[in-house]
Amino acid sequence: MKKILLLFFIIIIAAINVNSQTKDKTNKEVKPYFTPLEKFDPSRDALKDIELAILEAKRTNRRILLDVGGEWCIWCHRLDTMFIKNPNVDKFLHDNFVVVKVNYSKENKNEEFLSQFPKIPGYPHIFILDKDGKLLKSKSSGDLEKGKGHDPKVVLAFLKKWSIKS
């Protein structure tokens, strides 16, 4: 009976610990991955987000895609719109990458976090990391553009090239 109680106690403590790691100061659930509908949030902790993303990437055997930009950035919105209008590209992205939006704005430039990466020439900017958080590719999203948006075929080819399954 003592062993069962001890095991139950350990499980409860582990569940509380996991829950506390996925909540922010306002008790909102914090997840390290994003959909195109979610905004760049200057209040997020990019260092914490990447820690959680690494755990998720290891657990699910995916790479990490950092999408650096801000709500002020029209091209950031155009990239999100491309994913929304092309569910096959969005599905491939989320099946193969843990997506982390990193805010860059007047309110929060995330300078400490971004200092570990190559200089960003423009926004949005994409970094591909392996599942341990090591930089594999720094990519200007301008290379993925066509006209006044991003080319779904070019974006998908880029994602396929950098996915684990490639």
Protein backbone atom coordinates (compact mmCIF):
# COMPACT_ATOMS: atom_id res chain seq x y z
CA MET A 1 0.00 0.00 0.00
CA LYS A 2 2.88 2.37 0.82
CA LYS A 3 4.40 1.79 -2.61
CA ILE A 4 1.08 2.59 -4.31
CA LEU A 5 0.72 5.80 -2.30
CA LEU A 6 4.31 6.78 -3.07
CA LEU A 7 3.79 6.11 -6.78
CA PHE A 8 0.54 8.12 -6.74
CA PHE A 9 2.31 11.01 -4.98
CA ILE A 10 5.15 11.02 -7.55
CA ILE A 11 2.65 11.08 -10.43
CA ILE A 12 0.76 14.01 -8.86
CA ILE A 13 4.00 15.99 -8.34
CA ALA A 14 5.10 15.30 -11.93
CA ALA A 15 1.71 16.44 -13.28
CA ILE A 16 1.87 19.65 -11.25
CA ASN A 17 5.42 20.30 -12.48
CA VAL A 18 4.47 19.77 -16.13
CA ASN A 19 1.40 21.99 -15.71
CA SER A 20 3.45 24.78 -14.15
CA GLN A 21 5.87 24.68 -17.08
CA THR A 22 3.08 25.25 -19.57
CA LYS A 23 1.42 28.23 -17.87
CA ASP A 24 2.55 31.84 -17.95
CA LYS A 25 2.25 34.44 -15.18
CA THR A 26 -1.43 35.05 -16.00
CA ASN A 27 -2.11 31.31 -15.79
CA LYS A 28 -2.74 31.13 -19.56
CA GLU A 29 -1.58 27.95 -21.23
CA VAL A 30 1.74 28.54 -22.95
CA LYS A 31 2.62 26.47 -25.97
CA PRO A 32 5.80 26.82 -27.97
CA TYR A 33 4.15 26.39 -31.34
CA PHE A 34 1.95 28.66 -33.33
CA THR A 35 -0.56 28.70 -36.14
CA PRO A 36 -0.76 31.49 -38.74
CA LEU A 37 -3.78 32.92 -36.92
CA GLU A 38 -1.73 33.66 -33.81
CA LYS A 39 -0.06 37.03 -33.44
CA PHE A 40 3.48 38.10 -32.68
CA ASP A 41 3.28 38.82 -28.95
CA PRO A 42 5.80 41.22 -27.38
CA SER A 43 4.99 39.87 -23.91
CA ARG A 44 6.17 36.32 -24.73
CA ASP A 45 9.47 35.03 -23.43
CA ALA A 46 11.35 33.80 -26.53
CA LEU A 47 13.92 31.94 -24.40
CA LYS A 48 11.16 29.99 -22.64
CA ASP A 49 9.36 29.39 -25.95
CA ILE A 50 12.49 27.87 -27.49
CA GLU A 51 13.05 25.66 -24.44
CA LEU A 52 9.50 24.31 -24.80
CA ALA A 53 9.90 24.01 -28.58
CA ILE A 54 13.05 21.89 -28.14
CA LEU A 55 11.18 19.55 -25.80
CA GLU A 56 8.30 19.27 -28.28
CA ALA A 57 10.64 18.80 -31.27
CA LYS A 58 12.50 15.99 -29.49
CA ARG A 59 9.24 14.37 -28.41
CA THR A 60 7.75 14.48 -31.92
CA ASN A 61 10.96 14.16 -34.01
CA ARG A 62 10.46 17.48 -35.82
CA ARG A 63 12.65 20.45 -36.53
CA ILE A 64 11.98 23.97 -35.25
CA LEU A 65 11.02 26.89 -37.45
CA LEU A 66 11.47 30.35 -35.93
CA ASP A 67 9.31 32.97 -37.62
CA VAL A 68 10.76 36.35 -36.59
CA GLY A 69 8.63 39.43 -37.21
CA GLY A 70 5.97 41.64 -35.71
CA GLU A 71 2.42 42.81 -35.99
CA TRP A 72 3.70 46.00 -37.70
CA CYS A 73 5.12 43.91 -40.59
CA ILE A 74 2.90 43.63 -43.69
CA TRP A 75 5.04 40.83 -45.14
CA CYS A 76 4.65 38.86 -41.88
CA HIS A 77 0.89 39.04 -42.36
CA ARG A 78 1.25 38.06 -46.01
CA LEU A 79 3.27 34.98 -45.02
CA ASP A 80 0.59 33.99 -42.50
CA THR A 81 -2.10 34.57 -45.16
CA MET A 82 -0.24 32.28 -47.58
CA PHE A 83 -0.41 29.47 -44.98
CA ILE A 84 -4.11 30.14 -44.29
CA LYS A 85 -4.96 30.05 -48.01
CA ASN A 86 -2.85 26.93 -48.63
CA PRO A 87 -3.81 24.32 -46.03
CA ASN A 88 -1.57 21.68 -47.62
CA VAL A 89 1.49 23.92 -47.05
CA ASP A 90 0.31 24.73 -43.50
CA LYS A 91 -0.22 21.03 -42.76
CA PHE A 92 3.24 20.14 -44.05
CA LEU A 93 4.73 22.93 -41.93
CA HIS A 94 3.08 21.77 -38.71
CA ASP A 95 3.60 18.06 -39.41
CA ASN A 96 7.34 18.62 -39.80
CA PHE A 97 8.21 21.67 -37.68
CA VAL A 98 7.48 23.10 -34.28
CA VAL A 99 6.70 26.72 -35.19
CA VAL A 100 7.75 29.53 -32.86
CA LYS A 101 6.84 33.15 -33.58
CA VAL A 102 9.49 35.47 -32.19
CA ASN A 103 8.38 39.07 -31.81
CA TYR A 104 10.59 41.92 -33.01
CA SER A 105 9.04 45.32 -32.30
CA LYS A 106 9.58 48.58 -30.41
CA GLU A 107 7.99 46.95 -27.37
CA ASN A 108 10.29 43.93 -27.41
CA LYS A 109 13.17 43.42 -29.81
CA ASN A 110 14.16 40.09 -28.19
CA GLU A 111 17.77 41.23 -28.56
CA GLU A 112 19.22 38.77 -26.05
CA PHE A 113 17.50 35.83 -27.72
CA LEU A 114 18.18 36.91 -31.31
CA SER A 115 21.85 37.72 -30.60
CA GLN A 116 22.65 34.01 -30.87
CA PHE A 117 21.62 33.99 -34.55
CA PRO A 118 22.99 35.69 -37.69
CA LYS A 119 21.94 39.28 -38.28
CA ILE A 120 18.46 39.61 -39.74
CA PRO A 121 18.32 41.77 -42.91
CA GLY A 122 14.51 42.09 -43.03
CA TYR A 123 11.24 40.69 -41.76
CA PRO A 124 9.78 38.18 -41.61
CA HIS A 125 12.91 36.09 -41.25
CA ILE A 126 13.03 32.34 -40.84
CA PHE A 127 15.51 30.26 -38.88
CA ILE A 128 15.45 26.47 -39.12
CA LEU A 129 16.80 24.68 -36.06
CA ASP A 130 17.36 21.00 -35.47
CA LYS A 131 15.41 19.33 -32.67
CA ASP A 132 18.18 20.23 -30.21
CA GLY A 133 17.97 23.94 -31.08
CA LYS A 134 21.09 24.10 -33.27
CA LEU A 135 20.86 26.53 -36.20
CA LEU A 136 20.65 24.80 -39.58
CA LYS A 137 19.48 27.59 -41.89
CA SER A 138 18.90 31.34 -41.84
CA LYS A 139 16.45 32.33 -44.59
CA SER A 140 15.24 35.68 -45.83
CA SER A 141 11.55 35.33 -46.60
CA GLY A 142 12.11 37.65 -49.57
CA ASP A 143 13.49 34.59 -51.38
CA LEU A 144 10.04 32.99 -50.99
CA GLU A 145 8.05 35.89 -52.44
CA LYS A 146 6.18 36.18 -55.70
CA GLY A 147 4.43 39.45 -56.50
CA LYS A 148 2.77 40.84 -53.40
CA GLY A 149 2.86 37.59 -51.44
CA HIS A 150 4.74 34.37 -50.85
CA ASP A 151 4.73 31.60 -53.45
CA PRO A 152 3.20 28.45 -51.90
CA LYS A 153 5.20 26.17 -54.21
CA VAL A 154 8.50 27.84 -53.30
CA VAL A 155 7.64 27.83 -49.58
CA LEU A 156 6.68 24.16 -49.69
CA ALA A 157 9.89 23.25 -51.54
CA PHE A 158 11.90 25.14 -48.90
CA LEU A 159 10.08 23.35 -46.07
CA LYS A 160 10.56 19.96 -47.72
CA LYS A 161 14.28 20.63 -48.15
CA TRP A 162 14.71 21.43 -44.44
CA SER A 163 12.33 18.88 -42.89
CA ILE A 164 13.81 15.88 -41.08
CA LYS A 165 12.23 13.59 -43.64
CA SER A 166 14.14 15.16 -46.55
